[in-house]
Protein backbone atom coordinates (compact mmCIF):
# COMPACT_ATOMS: atom_id res chain seq x y z
CA MET A 1 96.90 80.26 126.94
CA ALA A 2 93.93 80.51 124.18
CA LEU A 3 95.04 80.97 120.84
CA THR A 4 93.91 84.01 119.44
CA LYS A 5 92.83 85.24 115.55
CA SER A 6 93.88 88.50 114.09
CA PHE A 7 90.53 90.92 113.57
CA LYS A 8 91.55 91.07 109.59
CA ASP A 9 91.78 87.27 109.75
CA LEU A 10 88.32 86.85 111.13
CA VAL A 11 86.95 89.46 108.70
CA GLN A 12 88.41 87.80 105.86
CA GLY A 13 87.25 84.36 107.13
CA ARG A 14 83.76 85.86 107.50
CA VAL A 15 83.98 87.28 103.94
CA ALA A 16 84.80 83.85 102.51
CA ARG A 17 81.49 81.95 104.34
CA ASP A 18 79.09 84.84 104.10
CA PRO A 19 78.04 86.98 101.13
CA ALA A 20 75.88 88.75 102.47
CA PHE A 21 78.28 89.55 104.80
CA ALA A 22 80.84 90.59 102.04
CA ALA A 23 78.52 93.04 100.62
CA ALA A 24 77.67 94.70 103.31
CA LEU A 25 81.57 95.42 103.94
CA LEU A 26 81.76 96.35 100.50
CA ARG A 27 78.85 98.84 100.74
CA GLU A 28 79.97 100.04 104.28
CA GLY A 29 83.31 101.20 102.53
CA ILE A 30 81.89 102.65 99.75
CA ASP A 31 79.19 104.74 102.72
CA THR A 32 82.09 105.91 104.30
CA MET A 33 83.85 107.33 102.03
CA LEU A 34 80.82 109.46 100.48
CA ALA A 35 80.21 110.15 104.35
CA GLY A 36 83.60 112.36 103.77
CA ASP A 37 86.50 109.52 106.04
CA VAL A 38 87.95 108.67 103.16
CA ASP A 39 90.79 107.11 105.18
CA THR A 40 88.53 104.61 106.88
CA GLY A 41 86.43 103.88 103.74
CA LYS A 42 89.70 102.99 101.92
CA ALA A 43 90.80 100.81 105.13
CA ILE A 44 87.63 99.02 104.73
CA LEU A 45 87.63 98.41 101.10
CA ARG A 46 91.49 97.43 101.31
CA ASP A 47 90.18 94.83 103.59
CA TYR A 48 87.17 93.84 101.36
CA ILE A 49 89.69 93.56 98.42
CA LYS A 50 92.04 91.29 100.42
CA ALA A 51 89.70 88.89 101.55
CA THR A 52 88.07 88.53 98.10
CA VAL A 53 89.50 89.16 94.68
CA GLY A 54 92.71 90.18 96.13
CA PHE A 55 95.04 93.02 94.53
CA GLU A 56 96.66 90.96 91.60
CA MET A 57 93.23 89.92 90.16
CA LEU A 58 91.93 93.44 90.50
CA GLY A 59 95.01 94.75 89.02
CA ALA A 60 94.38 92.81 85.94
CA ALA A 61 90.71 93.40 85.78
CA THR A 62 91.48 97.60 85.83
CA ASP A 63 94.24 97.60 83.98
CA THR A 64 96.18 99.19 87.36
CA PRO A 65 99.49 97.69 88.36
CA PRO A 66 98.67 95.76 91.85
CA LYS A 67 101.11 98.07 93.51
CA SER A 68 99.75 101.14 92.32
CA LEU A 69 96.15 99.52 93.80
CA ILE A 70 98.16 98.90 97.00
CA ARG A 71 99.31 102.27 97.43
CA MET A 72 96.10 104.01 96.37
CA PHE A 73 94.55 102.29 99.22
CA GLY A 74 96.95 102.54 101.62
CA PRO A 75 96.98 104.76 104.60
CA ARG A 76 98.86 107.86 102.61
CA GLY A 77 97.10 106.98 99.36
CA ASN A 78 95.16 109.71 97.24
CA PRO A 79 93.36 107.85 94.93
CA GLN A 80 92.10 109.78 91.26
CA ALA A 81 88.65 109.69 90.78
CA ARG A 82 88.81 107.57 87.68
CA ASN A 83 90.90 104.72 89.64
CA LEU A 84 88.79 104.58 92.27
CA PHE A 85 85.44 104.38 90.65
CA GLY A 86 87.06 101.94 88.08
CA VAL A 87 87.65 99.83 91.33
CA ILE A 88 84.34 100.13 92.81
CA GLY A 89 82.40 99.52 89.41
CA TYR A 90 84.44 96.41 89.29
CA LEU A 91 84.06 95.22 92.69
CA GLN A 92 80.39 95.94 92.39
CA ARG A 93 79.93 93.88 89.14
CA ARG A 94 82.22 90.95 90.46
CA ALA A 95 79.94 90.78 94.04
CA GLY A 96 76.84 91.37 92.01
CA VAL A 97 75.53 94.15 94.02
CA GLU A 98 74.86 98.01 92.20
CA LEU A 99 74.60 100.29 94.61
CA HIS A 100 73.20 104.07 94.54
CA VAL A 101 73.38 107.45 95.78
CA ALA A 102 69.92 108.79 97.11
CA GLU A 103 69.17 111.91 99.03
CA VAL A 104 67.56 110.99 102.09
CA GLY A 105 67.06 114.63 103.03
CA ARG A 106 68.71 117.96 103.29
CA GLN A 107 70.86 117.87 106.28
CA PHE A 108 72.91 120.94 105.03
CA ARG A 109 71.71 124.79 104.87
CA ALA A 110 73.81 126.86 103.07
CA SER A 111 73.54 130.10 104.43
CA SER A 112 72.89 133.17 101.76
CA SER A 113 76.47 134.07 101.92
CA GLU A 114 77.83 131.22 101.33
CA MET A 115 75.71 130.68 98.08
CA ALA A 116 77.31 133.88 96.78
């Protein structure tokens, strides 16, 4: 029988070997949250954190208890914006990336009744 690795182990190994992949994973987690799929975005960021800085070091860097961070990025976590953006800011600085929100076109058109 062949030995297999778990998907999370494969992701963590790839992040450790490939900085471009790590940066893409960070970007994907944030983009997914901004697109409205907060649960999937949190899961991606949780995997990114585990594969890079870890919750202990992240907690020390953001002055947040590691257990609170683990809950925040867990399936039932509901992070406050201040905490979430603090974590994202730290992760960007640590990774040496700077992500920006940009308008790519109007995909939503509000009707006159929605604007009232």
